[in-house]
C-alpha atoms as a PDB file:
ATOM      1  CA  MET A   1       0.000   0.000   0.000  1.00  0.00           C
ATOM      2  CA  THR A   2       1.478   3.313  -1.071  1.00  0.00           C
ATOM      3  CA  GLY A   3       0.700   6.200   1.252  1.00  0.00           C
ATOM      4  CA  GLY A   4      -0.039   3.675   3.976  1.00  0.00           C
ATOM      5  CA  ALA A   5       0.948   5.990   6.846  1.00  0.00           C
ATOM      6  CA  GLY A   6      -1.567   8.591   5.732  1.00  0.00           C
ATOM      7  CA  PHE A   7      -5.105   9.237   6.929  1.00  0.00           C
ATOM      8  CA  ILE A   8      -6.988   6.838   4.660  1.00  0.00           C
ATOM      9  CA  GLY A   9      -4.107   4.401   4.224  1.00  0.00           C
ATOM     10  CA  SER A  10      -3.634   3.781   7.942  1.00  0.00           C
ATOM     11  CA  ASN A  11      -7.343   3.152   8.435  1.00  0.00           C
ATOM     12  CA  LEU A  12      -7.341   0.762   5.494  1.00  0.00           C
ATOM     13  CA  ILE A  13      -4.280  -1.073   6.832  1.00  0.00           C
ATOM     14  CA  LYS A  14      -6.023  -1.552  10.174  1.00  0.00           C
ATOM     15  CA  ARG A  15      -8.989  -3.176   8.456  1.00  0.00           C
ATOM     16  CA  LEU A  16      -6.832  -5.390   6.219  1.00  0.00           C
ATOM     17  CA  ILE A  17      -4.674  -6.632   9.096  1.00  0.00           C
ATOM     18  CA  ASN A  18      -7.778  -7.334  11.163  1.00  0.00           C
ATOM     19  CA  ASN A  19      -8.954  -9.408   8.182  1.00  0.00           C
ATOM     20  CA  GLY A  20      -5.710 -11.414   8.262  1.00  0.00           C
ATOM     21  CA  GLU A  21      -4.034  -9.774   5.248  1.00  0.00           C
ATOM     22  CA  GLU A  22      -0.280  -9.222   5.042  1.00  0.00           C
ATOM     23  CA  VAL A  23       0.464  -5.561   4.268  1.00  0.00           C
ATOM     24  CA  ILE A  24       3.625  -3.848   3.057  1.00  0.00           C
ATOM     25  CA  CYS A  25       3.344  -0.122   3.738  1.00  0.00           C
ATOM     26  CA  LEU A  26       5.262   2.368   1.577  1.00  0.00           C
ATOM     27  CA  ASP A  27       5.391   6.013   2.635  1.00  0.00           C
ATOM     28  CA  ASN A  28       7.807   8.951   2.378  1.00  0.00           C
ATOM     29  CA  TYR A  29       6.109  10.755   5.324  1.00  0.00           C
ATOM     30  CA  PHE A  30       5.335  13.976   3.494  1.00  0.00           C
ATOM     31  CA  THR A  31       1.788  13.875   4.857  1.00  0.00           C
ATOM     32  CA  GLY A  32       1.853  10.394   6.380  1.00  0.00           C
ATOM     33  CA  ARG A  33       2.849   9.949  10.033  1.00  0.00           C
ATOM     34  CA  LYS A  34       4.520   7.025  11.793  1.00  0.00           C
ATOM     35  CA  ILE A  35       2.150   7.442  14.738  1.00  0.00           C
ATOM     36  CA  ASN A  36      -0.719   6.413  12.431  1.00  0.00           C
ATOM     37  CA  ILE A  37       0.863   2.984  11.937  1.00  0.00           C
ATOM     38  CA  SER A  38       2.700   2.615  15.253  1.00  0.00           C
ATOM     39  CA  ASN A  39       0.209   0.010  16.476  1.00  0.00           C
ATOM     40  CA  PHE A  40       1.150  -2.292  13.574  1.00  0.00           C
ATOM     41  CA  ILE A  41       4.954  -2.171  13.868  1.00  0.00           C
ATOM     42  CA  ASP A  42       5.270  -5.374  15.887  1.00  0.00           C
ATOM     43  CA  ASN A  43       2.544  -7.193  13.969  1.00  0.00           C
ATOM     44  CA  GLN A  44       3.887 -10.082  11.885  1.00  0.00           C
ATOM     45  CA  LEU A  45       1.400  -9.217   9.138  1.00  0.00           C
ATOM     46  CA  PHE A  46       2.882  -5.709   8.720  1.00  0.00           C
ATOM     47  CA  GLU A  47       6.035  -4.455   7.026  1.00  0.00           C
ATOM     48  CA  LEU A  48       7.110  -0.812   6.703  1.00  0.00           C
ATOM     49  CA  ILE A  49       9.348   0.611   3.979  1.00  0.00           C
ATOM     50  CA  ARG A  50      10.271   4.297   3.763  1.00  0.00           C
ATOM     51  CA  HIS A  51       9.971   4.967   0.061  1.00  0.00           C
ATOM     52  CA  ASP A  52       8.976   7.705  -2.386  1.00  0.00           C
ATOM     53  CA  VAL A  53       6.822   6.318  -5.189  1.00  0.00           C
ATOM     54  CA  THR A  54       8.399   8.636  -7.746  1.00  0.00           C
ATOM     55  CA  ASP A  55      11.224   6.076  -7.606  1.00  0.00           C
ATOM     56  CA  PRO A  56      10.593   2.466  -8.737  1.00  0.00           C
ATOM     57  CA  ILE A  57      10.593  -0.371  -6.229  1.00  0.00           C
ATOM     58  CA  GLN A  58      10.973  -4.134  -6.647  1.00  0.00           C
ATOM     59  CA  ILE A  59       8.795  -6.193  -4.299  1.00  0.00           C
ATOM     60  CA  GLU A  60       6.551  -9.214  -4.663  1.00  0.00           C
ATOM     61  CA  VAL A  61       2.846  -8.547  -4.025  1.00  0.00           C
ATOM     62  CA  ASP A  62      -0.513  -9.719  -5.326  1.00  0.00           C
ATOM     63  CA  ARG A  63      -2.489  -6.500  -4.754  1.00  0.00           C
ATOM     64  CA  ILE A  64      -1.462  -2.859  -4.937  1.00  0.00           C
ATOM     65  CA  TRP A  65      -3.449  -0.194  -3.095  1.00  0.00           C
ATOM     66  CA  HIS A  66      -2.108   3.050  -4.589  1.00  0.00           C
ATOM     67  CA  LEU A  67      -3.017   5.876  -2.216  1.00  0.00           C
ATOM     68  CA  ALA A  68       0.176   7.950  -2.253  1.00  0.00           C
ATOM     69  CA  CYS A  69      -0.423  11.647  -2.938  1.00  0.00           C
ATOM     70  CA  PRO A  70      -1.107  14.692  -0.754  1.00  0.00           C
ATOM     71  CA  ALA A  71      -4.869  15.223  -0.907  1.00  0.00           C
ATOM     72  CA  SER A  72      -5.587  18.551   0.799  1.00  0.00           C
ATOM     73  CA  PRO A  73      -4.995  21.882  -0.993  1.00  0.00           C
ATOM     74  CA  ILE A  74      -2.630  23.189   1.685  1.00  0.00           C
ATOM     75  CA  HIS A  75      -0.347  20.193   1.139  1.00  0.00           C
ATOM     76  CA  TYR A  76      -0.596  19.552  -2.590  1.00  0.00           C
ATOM     77  CA  GLN A  77      -0.091  23.265  -3.356  1.00  0.00           C
ATOM     78  CA  PHE A  78       2.997  23.397  -1.108  1.00  0.00           C
ATOM     79  CA  ASN A  79       5.016  21.704  -3.872  1.00  0.00           C
ATOM     80  CA  PRO A  80       2.764  21.447  -6.932  1.00  0.00           C
ATOM     81  CA  ILE A  81       5.459  20.022  -9.202  1.00  0.00           C
ATOM     82  CA  LYS A  82       6.120  17.222  -6.725  1.00  0.00           C
ATOM     83  CA  THR A  83       2.362  16.605  -6.525  1.00  0.00           C
ATOM     84  CA  SER A  84       2.172  16.227 -10.310  1.00  0.00           C
ATOM     85  CA  LYS A  85       5.203  13.927 -10.280  1.00  0.00           C
ATOM     86  CA  THR A  86       3.647  11.800  -7.546  1.00  0.00           C
ATOM     87  CA  SER A  87       0.436  11.406  -9.536  1.00  0.00           C
ATOM     88  CA  PHE A  88       2.165  10.636 -12.829  1.00  0.00           C
ATOM     89  CA  LEU A  89       5.498   8.998 -11.997  1.00  0.00           C
ATOM     90  CA  GLY A  90       4.199   7.357  -8.826  1.00  0.00           C
ATOM     91  CA  THR A  91       1.298   5.791 -10.675  1.00  0.00           C
ATOM     92  CA  PHE A  92       3.552   4.862 -13.600  1.00  0.00           C
ATOM     93  CA  ASN A  93       6.007   3.093 -11.279  1.00  0.00           C
ATOM     94  CA  MET A  94       3.313   1.229  -9.386  1.00  0.00           C
ATOM     95  CA  LEU A  95       1.596   0.173 -12.610  1.00  0.00           C
ATOM     96  CA  GLY A  96       4.956  -1.125 -13.833  1.00  0.00           C
ATOM     97  CA  LEU A  97       5.196  -3.170 -10.651  1.00  0.00           C
ATOM     98  CA  ALA A  98       1.638  -4.461 -11.112  1.00  0.00           C
ATOM     99  CA  LYS A  99       2.460  -5.492 -14.677  1.00  0.00           C
ATOM    100  CA  ARG A 100       5.647  -7.302 -13.616  1.00  0.00           C
ATOM    101  CA  VAL A 101       4.129  -9.298 -10.746  1.00  0.00           C
ATOM    102  CA  GLY A 102       0.579  -9.651 -12.085  1.00  0.00           C
ATOM    103  CA  ALA A 103      -0.999  -7.728  -9.191  1.00  0.00           C
ATOM    104  CA  LYS A 104      -4.501  -6.300  -9.102  1.00  0.00           C
ATOM    105  CA  PHE A 105      -4.213  -2.499  -8.911  1.00  0.00           C
ATOM    106  CA  LEU A 106      -6.533  -0.091  -7.083  1.00  0.00           C
ATOM    107  CA  MET A 107      -5.905   3.633  -7.400  1.00  0.00           C
ATOM    108  CA  ALA A 108      -7.316   6.271  -5.084  1.00  0.00           C
ATOM    109  CA  SER A 109      -8.576   8.897  -7.495  1.00  0.00           C
ATOM    110  CA  THR A 110     -10.689  11.838  -6.419  1.00  0.00           C
ATOM    111  CA  SER A 111     -13.888  13.802  -6.924  1.00  0.00           C
ATOM    112  CA  GLU A 112     -11.559  16.643  -7.952  1.00  0.00           C
ATOM    113  CA  VAL A 113     -11.417  15.102 -11.438  1.00  0.00           C
ATOM    114  CA  TYR A 114     -14.885  16.668 -11.893  1.00  0.00           C
ATOM    115  CA  GLY A 115     -13.478  20.152 -11.246  1.00  0.00           C
ATOM    116  CA  ASP A 116     -16.068  22.807 -10.342  1.00  0.00           C
ATOM    117  CA  PRO A 117     -18.986  20.707 -11.570  1.00  0.00           C
ATOM    118  CA  GLU A 118     -21.732  21.996 -13.843  1.00  0.00           C
ATOM    119  CA  VAL A 119     -23.655  18.734 -13.321  1.00  0.00           C
ATOM    120  CA  HIS A 120     -25.064  17.962  -9.880  1.00  0.00           C
ATOM    121  CA  PRO A 121     -24.807  15.456  -8.322  1.00  0.00           C
ATOM    122  CA  GLN A 122     -21.779  14.053 -10.119  1.00  0.00           C
ATOM    123  CA  THR A 123     -21.991  10.702 -11.871  1.00  0.00           C
ATOM    124  CA  GLU A 124     -19.018   8.735 -13.151  1.00  0.00           C
ATOM    125  CA  SER A 125     -20.005   9.560 -16.737  1.00  0.00           C
ATOM    126  CA  TYR A 126     -19.576  13.314 -16.148  1.00  0.00           C
ATOM    127  CA  LYS A 127     -16.402  14.508 -17.887  1.00  0.00           C
ATOM    128  CA  GLY A 128     -15.809  17.474 -15.573  1.00  0.00           C
ATOM    129  CA  SER A 129     -15.416  21.240 -15.632  1.00  0.00           C
ATOM    130  CA  VAL A 130     -11.715  21.649 -15.014  1.00  0.00           C
ATOM    131  CA  ASN A 131      -8.942  24.228 -15.134  1.00  0.00           C
ATOM    132  CA  THR A 132      -5.767  22.684 -16.533  1.00  0.00           C
ATOM    133  CA  PHE A 133      -3.474  25.457 -15.262  1.00  0.00           C
ATOM    134  CA  GLY A 134      -5.041  26.699 -12.009  1.00  0.00           C
ATOM    135  CA  ILE A 135      -3.500  26.396  -8.567  1.00  0.00           C
ATOM    136  CA  ARG A 136      -5.442  23.175  -7.902  1.00  0.00           C
ATOM    137  CA  SER A 137      -4.613  21.549 -11.227  1.00  0.00           C
ATOM    138  CA  CYS A 138      -1.446  19.815  -9.978  1.00  0.00           C
ATOM    139  CA  TYR A 139      -3.786  17.540  -8.026  1.00  0.00           C
ATOM    140  CA  ASP A 140      -6.912  17.573 -10.219  1.00  0.00           C
ATOM    141  CA  GLU A 141      -5.093  17.029 -13.496  1.00  0.00           C
ATOM    142  CA  GLY A 142      -2.547  14.763 -11.820  1.00  0.00           C
ATOM    143  CA  LYS A 143      -5.322  12.363 -10.879  1.00  0.00           C
ATOM    144  CA  ARG A 144      -6.875  12.606 -14.340  1.00  0.00           C
ATOM    145  CA  ILE A 145      -3.645  11.567 -16.059  1.00  0.00           C
ATOM    146  CA  ALA A 146      -3.188   8.855 -13.411  1.00  0.00           C
ATOM    147  CA  GLU A 147      -6.584   7.418 -14.385  1.00  0.00           C
ATOM    148  CA  THR A 148      -5.531   7.590 -18.028  1.00  0.00           C
ATOM    149  CA  LEU A 149      -2.331   5.669 -17.287  1.00  0.00           C
ATOM    150  CA  CYS A 150      -4.273   3.006 -15.413  1.00  0.00           C
ATOM    151  CA  TYR A 151      -6.592   2.297 -18.311  1.00  0.00           C
ATOM    152  CA  ASP A 152      -3.773   2.361 -20.845  1.00  0.00           C
ATOM    153  CA  TYR A 153      -2.025  -0.316 -18.775  1.00  0.00           C
ATOM    154  CA  GLN A 154      -5.291  -2.241 -18.678  1.00  0.00           C
ATOM    155  CA  ARG A 155      -5.729  -2.056 -22.454  1.00  0.00           C
ATOM    156  CA  ILE A 156      -2.119  -2.679 -23.441  1.00  0.00           C
ATOM    157  CA  HIS A 157      -0.735  -4.872 -20.635  1.00  0.00           C
ATOM    158  CA  ASN A 158      -3.923  -6.453 -19.203  1.00  0.00           C
ATOM    159  CA  VAL A 159      -3.313  -5.043 -15.724  1.00  0.00           C
ATOM    160  CA  GLU A 160      -6.436  -5.507 -13.613  1.00  0.00           C
ATOM    161  CA  ILE A 161      -7.520  -1.976 -12.652  1.00  0.00           C
ATOM    162  CA  ARG A 162      -9.855  -0.558 -10.017  1.00  0.00           C
ATOM    163  CA  ILE A 163     -10.456   3.208  -9.700  1.00  0.00           C
ATOM    164  CA  ALA A 164     -12.110   4.820  -6.668  1.00  0.00           C
ATOM    165  CA  ARG A 165     -13.153   8.455  -7.071  1.00  0.00           C
ATOM    166  CA  ILE A 166     -13.082   9.476  -3.427  1.00  0.00           C
ATOM    167  CA  PHE A 167     -15.224  12.356  -2.153  1.00  0.00           C
ATOM    168  CA  ASN A 168     -14.600  14.349   1.039  1.00  0.00           C
ATOM    169  CA  THR A 169     -13.605  11.952   3.812  1.00  0.00           C
ATOM    170  CA  TYR A 170     -13.064  12.587   7.518  1.00  0.00           C
ATOM    171  CA  GLY A 171     -12.281  10.658  10.680  1.00  0.00           C
ATOM    172  CA  PRO A 172      -9.446   9.567  13.011  1.00  0.00           C
ATOM    173  CA  ASN A 173      -5.827   9.921  11.821  1.00  0.00           C
ATOM    174  CA  MET A 174      -6.504  13.151   9.938  1.00  0.00           C
ATOM    175  CA  LEU A 175      -3.633  15.594  10.317  1.00  0.00           C
ATOM    176  CA  GLN A 176      -4.176  18.586  12.581  1.00  0.00           C
ATOM    177  CA  ASP A 177      -2.903  20.824   9.787  1.00  0.00           C
ATOM    178  CA  ASP A 178      -4.818  18.912   7.143  1.00  0.00           C
ATOM    179  CA  GLY A 179      -6.309  22.139   5.825  1.00  0.00           C
ATOM    180  CA  ARG A 180      -9.685  20.613   4.983  1.00  0.00           C
ATOM    181  CA  VAL A 181     -12.869  21.896   6.460  1.00  0.00           C
ATOM    182  CA  VAL A 182     -13.730  19.246   9.080  1.00  0.00           C
ATOM    183  CA  SER A 183     -10.286  19.251  10.695  1.00  0.00           C
ATOM    184  CA  ASN A 184     -10.043  23.050  10.374  1.00  0.00           C
ATOM    185  CA  PHE A 185     -13.293  23.622  12.242  1.00  0.00           C
ATOM    186  CA  ILE A 186     -12.572  21.035  14.959  1.00  0.00           C
ATOM    187  CA  ASN A 187      -9.088  22.350  15.670  1.00  0.00           C
ATOM    188  CA  GLN A 188     -10.188  25.983  15.657  1.00  0.00           C
ATOM    189  CA  ALA A 189     -12.996  25.103  18.035  1.00  0.00           C
ATOM    190  CA  PHE A 190     -10.654  23.387  20.492  1.00  0.00           C
ATOM    191  CA  LYS A 191      -8.355  26.448  20.332  1.00  0.00           C
ATOM    192  CA  ASN A 192     -11.328  28.764  21.016  1.00  0.00           C
ATOM    193  CA  GLU A 193     -10.653  30.507  17.723  1.00  0.00           C
ATOM    194  CA  PRO A 194     -13.323  31.854  15.343  1.00  0.00           C
ATOM    195  CA  LEU A 195     -14.288  29.302  12.694  1.00  0.00           C
ATOM    196  CA  THR A 196     -13.040  30.393   9.282  1.00  0.00           C
ATOM    197  CA  ILE A 197     -15.794  30.511   6.657  1.00  0.00           C
ATOM    198  CA  TYR A 198     -14.667  31.007   3.071  1.00  0.00           C
ATOM    199  CA  GLY A 199     -17.150  33.089   1.110  1.00  0.00           C
ATOM    200  CA  GLU A 200     -20.602  33.039   2.650  1.00  0.00           C
ATOM    201  CA  GLY A 201     -20.385  29.351   3.526  1.00  0.00           C
ATOM    202  CA  THR A 202     -23.117  28.453   1.037  1.00  0.00           C
ATOM    203  CA  GLN A 203     -20.816  26.126  -0.940  1.00  0.00           C
ATOM    204  CA  THR A 204     -21.656  22.492  -0.350  1.00  0.00           C
ATOM    205  CA  ARG A 205     -19.731  19.310   0.361  1.00  0.00           C
ATOM    206  CA  SER A 206     -20.619  15.706   1.158  1.00  0.00           C
ATOM    207  CA  PHE A 207     -18.764  14.072   4.039  1.00  0.00           C
ATOM    208  CA  CYS A 208     -17.992  10.347   4.204  1.00  0.00           C
ATOM    209  CA  TYR A 209     -16.710   8.794   7.433  1.00  0.00           C
ATOM    210  CA  VAL A 210     -13.454   6.944   6.859  1.00  0.00           C
ATOM    211  CA  ASP A 211     -14.765   3.535   8.002  1.00  0.00           C
ATOM    212  CA  ASP A 212     -17.403   3.681   5.273  1.00  0.00           C
ATOM    213  CA  LEU A 213     -14.804   4.662   2.696  1.00  0.00           C
ATOM    214  CA  VAL A 214     -12.546   1.767   3.694  1.00  0.00           C
ATOM    215  CA  SER A 215     -15.446  -0.659   3.270  1.00  0.00           C
ATOM    216  CA  GLY A 216     -16.068   0.747  -0.211  1.00  0.00           C
ATOM    217  CA  LEU A 217     -12.413   0.435  -1.229  1.00  0.00           C
ATOM    218  CA  ILE A 218     -12.275  -3.192  -0.102  1.00  0.00           C
ATOM    219  CA  LYS A 219     -15.483  -4.063  -1.947  1.00  0.00           C
ATOM    220  CA  LEU A 220     -14.122  -2.382  -5.077  1.00  0.00           C
ATOM    221  CA  MET A 221     -10.832  -4.269  -4.889  1.00  0.00           C
ATOM    222  CA  GLU A 222     -12.581  -7.600  -4.309  1.00  0.00           C
ATOM    223  CA  GLY A 223     -15.250  -7.047  -6.955  1.00  0.00           C
ATOM    224  CA  ASP A 224     -15.233  -7.397 -10.726  1.00  0.00           C
ATOM    225  CA  TYR A 225     -16.179  -3.853 -11.767  1.00  0.00           C
ATOM    226  CA  LYS A 226     -13.335  -2.190 -13.677  1.00  0.00           C
ATOM    227  CA  LYS A 227     -14.455   1.358 -14.435  1.00  0.00           C
ATOM    228  CA  PRO A 228     -14.260   4.358 -12.053  1.00  0.00           C
ATOM    229  CA  VAL A 229     -16.647   4.331  -9.088  1.00  0.00           C
ATOM    230  CA  ASN A 230     -17.668   7.232  -6.853  1.00  0.00           C
ATOM    231  CA  ILE A 231     -17.074   6.435  -3.180  1.00  0.00           C
ATOM    232  CA  GLY A 232     -18.625   9.057  -0.917  1.00  0.00           C
ATOM    233  CA  ASN A 233     -21.633  10.017   1.148  1.00  0.00           C
ATOM    234  CA  PRO A 234     -24.460  11.566  -0.913  1.00  0.00           C
ATOM    235  CA  GLU A 235     -25.771  13.663   1.991  1.00  0.00           C
ATOM    236  CA  GLU A 236     -24.985  17.282   1.119  1.00  0.00           C
ATOM    237  CA  TYR A 237     -24.255  20.048   3.628  1.00  0.00           C
ATOM    238  CA  ARG A 238     -23.571  23.746   3.341  1.00  0.00           C
ATOM    239  CA  ILE A 239     -20.245  24.685   4.929  1.00  0.00           C
ATOM    240  CA  ILE A 240     -21.959  27.183   7.219  1.00  0.00           C
ATOM    241  CA  ASP A 241     -24.246  24.402   8.474  1.00  0.00           C
ATOM    242  CA  LEU A 242     -21.266  22.131   9.157  1.00  0.00           C
ATOM    243  CA  ALA A 243     -19.691  24.976  11.143  1.00  0.00           C
ATOM    244  CA  GLU A 244     -22.845  25.345  13.230  1.00  0.00           C
ATOM    245  CA  ILE A 245     -22.910  21.604  13.984  1.00  0.00           C
ATOM    246  CA  ILE A 246     -19.277  21.525  15.124  1.00  0.00           C
ATOM    247  CA  LYS A 247     -19.711  24.741  17.098  1.00  0.00           C
ATOM    248  CA  ALA A 248     -22.649  23.194  18.960  1.00  0.00           C
ATOM    249  CA  LYS A 249     -20.627  20.057  19.754  1.00  0.00           C
ATOM    250  CA  ILE A 250     -17.456  21.758  21.057  1.00  0.00           C
ATOM    251  CA  ASN A 251     -18.032  25.396  22.020  1.00  0.00           C
ATOM    252  CA  LYS A 252     -21.346  27.182  21.532  1.00  0.00           C
ATOM    253  CA  ASN A 253     -19.742  30.585  22.180  1.00  0.00           C
ATOM    254  CA  LEU A 254     -17.540  30.544  19.081  1.00  0.00           C
ATOM    255  CA  SER A 255     -17.877  33.196  16.402  1.00  0.00           C
ATOM    256  CA  PHE A 256     -17.267  32.996  12.660  1.00  0.00           C
ATOM    257  CA  VAL A 257     -14.834  34.933  10.481  1.00  0.00           C
ATOM    258  CA  ASN A 258     -15.361  35.226   6.718  1.00  0.00           C
ATOM    259  CA  LYS A 259     -12.549  35.116   4.182  1.00  0.00           C
ATOM    260  CA  PRO A 260     -12.594  35.190   0.354  1.00  0.00           C
ATOM    261  CA  LEU A 261     -13.211  31.916  -1.474  1.00  0.00           C
ATOM    262  CA  PRO A 262      -9.977  30.283  -2.676  1.00  0.00           C
ATOM    263  CA  LYS A 263      -9.477  30.322  -6.449  1.00  0.00           C
ATOM    264  CA  ASP A 264     -11.160  27.431  -8.297  1.00  0.00           C
ATOM    265  CA  ASP A 265     -12.788  26.182  -5.084  1.00  0.00           C
ATOM    266  CA  PRO A 266     -15.815  24.100  -6.194  1.00  0.00           C
ATOM    267  CA  LEU A 267     -19.168  25.602  -5.232  1.00  0.00           C
ATOM    268  CA  GLN A 268     -20.921  22.270  -4.878  1.00  0.00           C
ATOM    269  CA  ARG A 269     -19.870  18.665  -4.576  1.00  0.00           C
ATOM    270  CA  ARG A 270     -22.050  15.607  -4.059  1.00  0.00           C
ATOM    271  CA  PRO A 271     -21.584  12.096  -5.414  1.00  0.00           C
ATOM    272  CA  ASN A 272     -24.163  10.034  -7.207  1.00  0.00           C
ATOM    273  CA  ILE A 273     -23.436   6.578  -5.755  1.00  0.00           C
ATOM    274  CA  ASP A 274     -25.974   4.557  -7.733  1.00  0.00           C
ATOM    275  CA  LEU A 275     -23.125   2.709  -9.440  1.00  0.00           C
ATOM    276  CA  ALA A 276     -21.474   1.788  -6.124  1.00  0.00           C
ATOM    277  CA  LYS A 277     -24.798   0.513  -4.799  1.00  0.00           C
ATOM    278  CA  LYS A 278     -25.406  -1.553  -7.933  1.00  0.00           C
ATOM    279  CA  GLU A 279     -21.942  -2.925  -8.655  1.00  0.00           C
ATOM    280  CA  LEU A 280     -20.442  -3.123  -5.144  1.00  0.00           C
ATOM    281  CA  ASN A 281     -23.515  -3.340  -2.943  1.00  0.00           C
ATOM    282  CA  TRP A 282     -21.942  -0.448  -1.023  1.00  0.00           C
ATOM    283  CA  TYR A 283     -23.457   2.600   0.622  1.00  0.00           C
ATOM    284  CA  PRO A 284     -22.358   4.618   3.675  1.00  0.00           C
ATOM    285  CA  LEU A 285     -23.687   3.611   7.080  1.00  0.00           C
ATOM    286  CA  VAL A 286     -22.247   6.282   9.419  1.00  0.00           C
ATOM    287  CA  ASP A 287     -24.271   9.507   9.644  1.00  0.00           C
ATOM    288  CA  LEU A 288     -22.528  12.871  10.004  1.00  0.00           C
ATOM    289  CA  ASN A 289     -23.488  13.321  13.655  1.00  0.00           C
ATOM    290  CA  THR A 290     -21.985   9.969  14.692  1.00  0.00           C
ATOM    291  CA  GLY A 291     -18.891  10.407  12.525  1.00  0.00           C
ATOM    292  CA  LEU A 292     -18.191  13.886  13.866  1.00  0.00           C
ATOM    293  CA  ASP A 293     -18.470  12.663  17.460  1.00  0.00           C
ATOM    294  CA  LYS A 294     -15.813  10.015  16.752  1.00  0.00           C
ATOM    295  CA  THR A 295     -13.590  12.505  14.932  1.00  0.00           C
ATOM    296  CA  ILE A 296     -13.898  15.115  17.683  1.00  0.00           C
ATOM    297  CA  LYS A 297     -12.964  12.469  20.255  1.00  0.00           C
ATOM    298  CA  TYR A 298      -9.817  11.703  18.221  1.00  0.00           C
ATOM    299  CA  PHE A 299      -8.757  15.358  18.008  1.00  0.00           C
ATOM    300  CA  LYS A 300      -9.602  16.096  21.643  1.00  0.00           C
ATOM    301  CA  ARG A 301      -6.595  14.112  22.834  1.00  0.00           C
ATOM    302  CA  PHE A 302      -4.284  16.748  21.311  1.00  0.00           C
ATOM    303  CA  TYR A 303      -5.767  19.390  23.605  1.00  0.00           C
ATOM    304  CA  GLU A 304      -5.934  17.544  26.946  1.00  0.00           C
END
């Protein structure tokens, strides 16, 4: 698993090990953290290799979970060229490995391939409304070319491909400086700081708890469906409403501060998951209220 020490990767590793799978974790620790995988270090089913996927690696595996890439704007914009290289070269190297050893290959793609969508909710057939040279394009376009590479390897080299288009995910093991809205609000609330609202807060997102996402990724890997699949929670919330919910849970006396919307920030985002329901028999089970309680409990330990 590339990016195995990251937020989603570490939660996926936990599930796989609990299922009796042997896991080799690759991570260069740009956004991954050793503490996320510290509980697995002494487990005989777990192996850790410090490695950057922009360099090839020779190992023997039967499945490749390719999750390596910074996923929040604050991190992928820190070094956009490196982000593009991770998406292209990292995927290229891992596909080469999959071809050599005959491994099934699952790539963590993203809802960002849809850009600032003009179709709502987004289905897998939607081609996207994208900016090829904006400040977010290192990630958005990086994932689009990564999908292209995957299907070229499928067509030319018969590599067995699975693509998950992941929508906003939250839960334990998120970084404190993740830069995405759930972690931002929770950390600001614990610091008794005003919650930062970009624009008027009327932009929408859909939030999937990480346990649900992990279940979807496993069902996708184990299933037979080969085209991209949206994995996310179709419940849609305005950002201002999310702020009110978190404020009520942590500190009802907090205020809000408004800042300009970041460039190319999508105004609405919600997955159509009909395909996941049909092909994977998957749908999210954890509601936002329950998921936020678990996430807040995780972050609270940093402030005790």
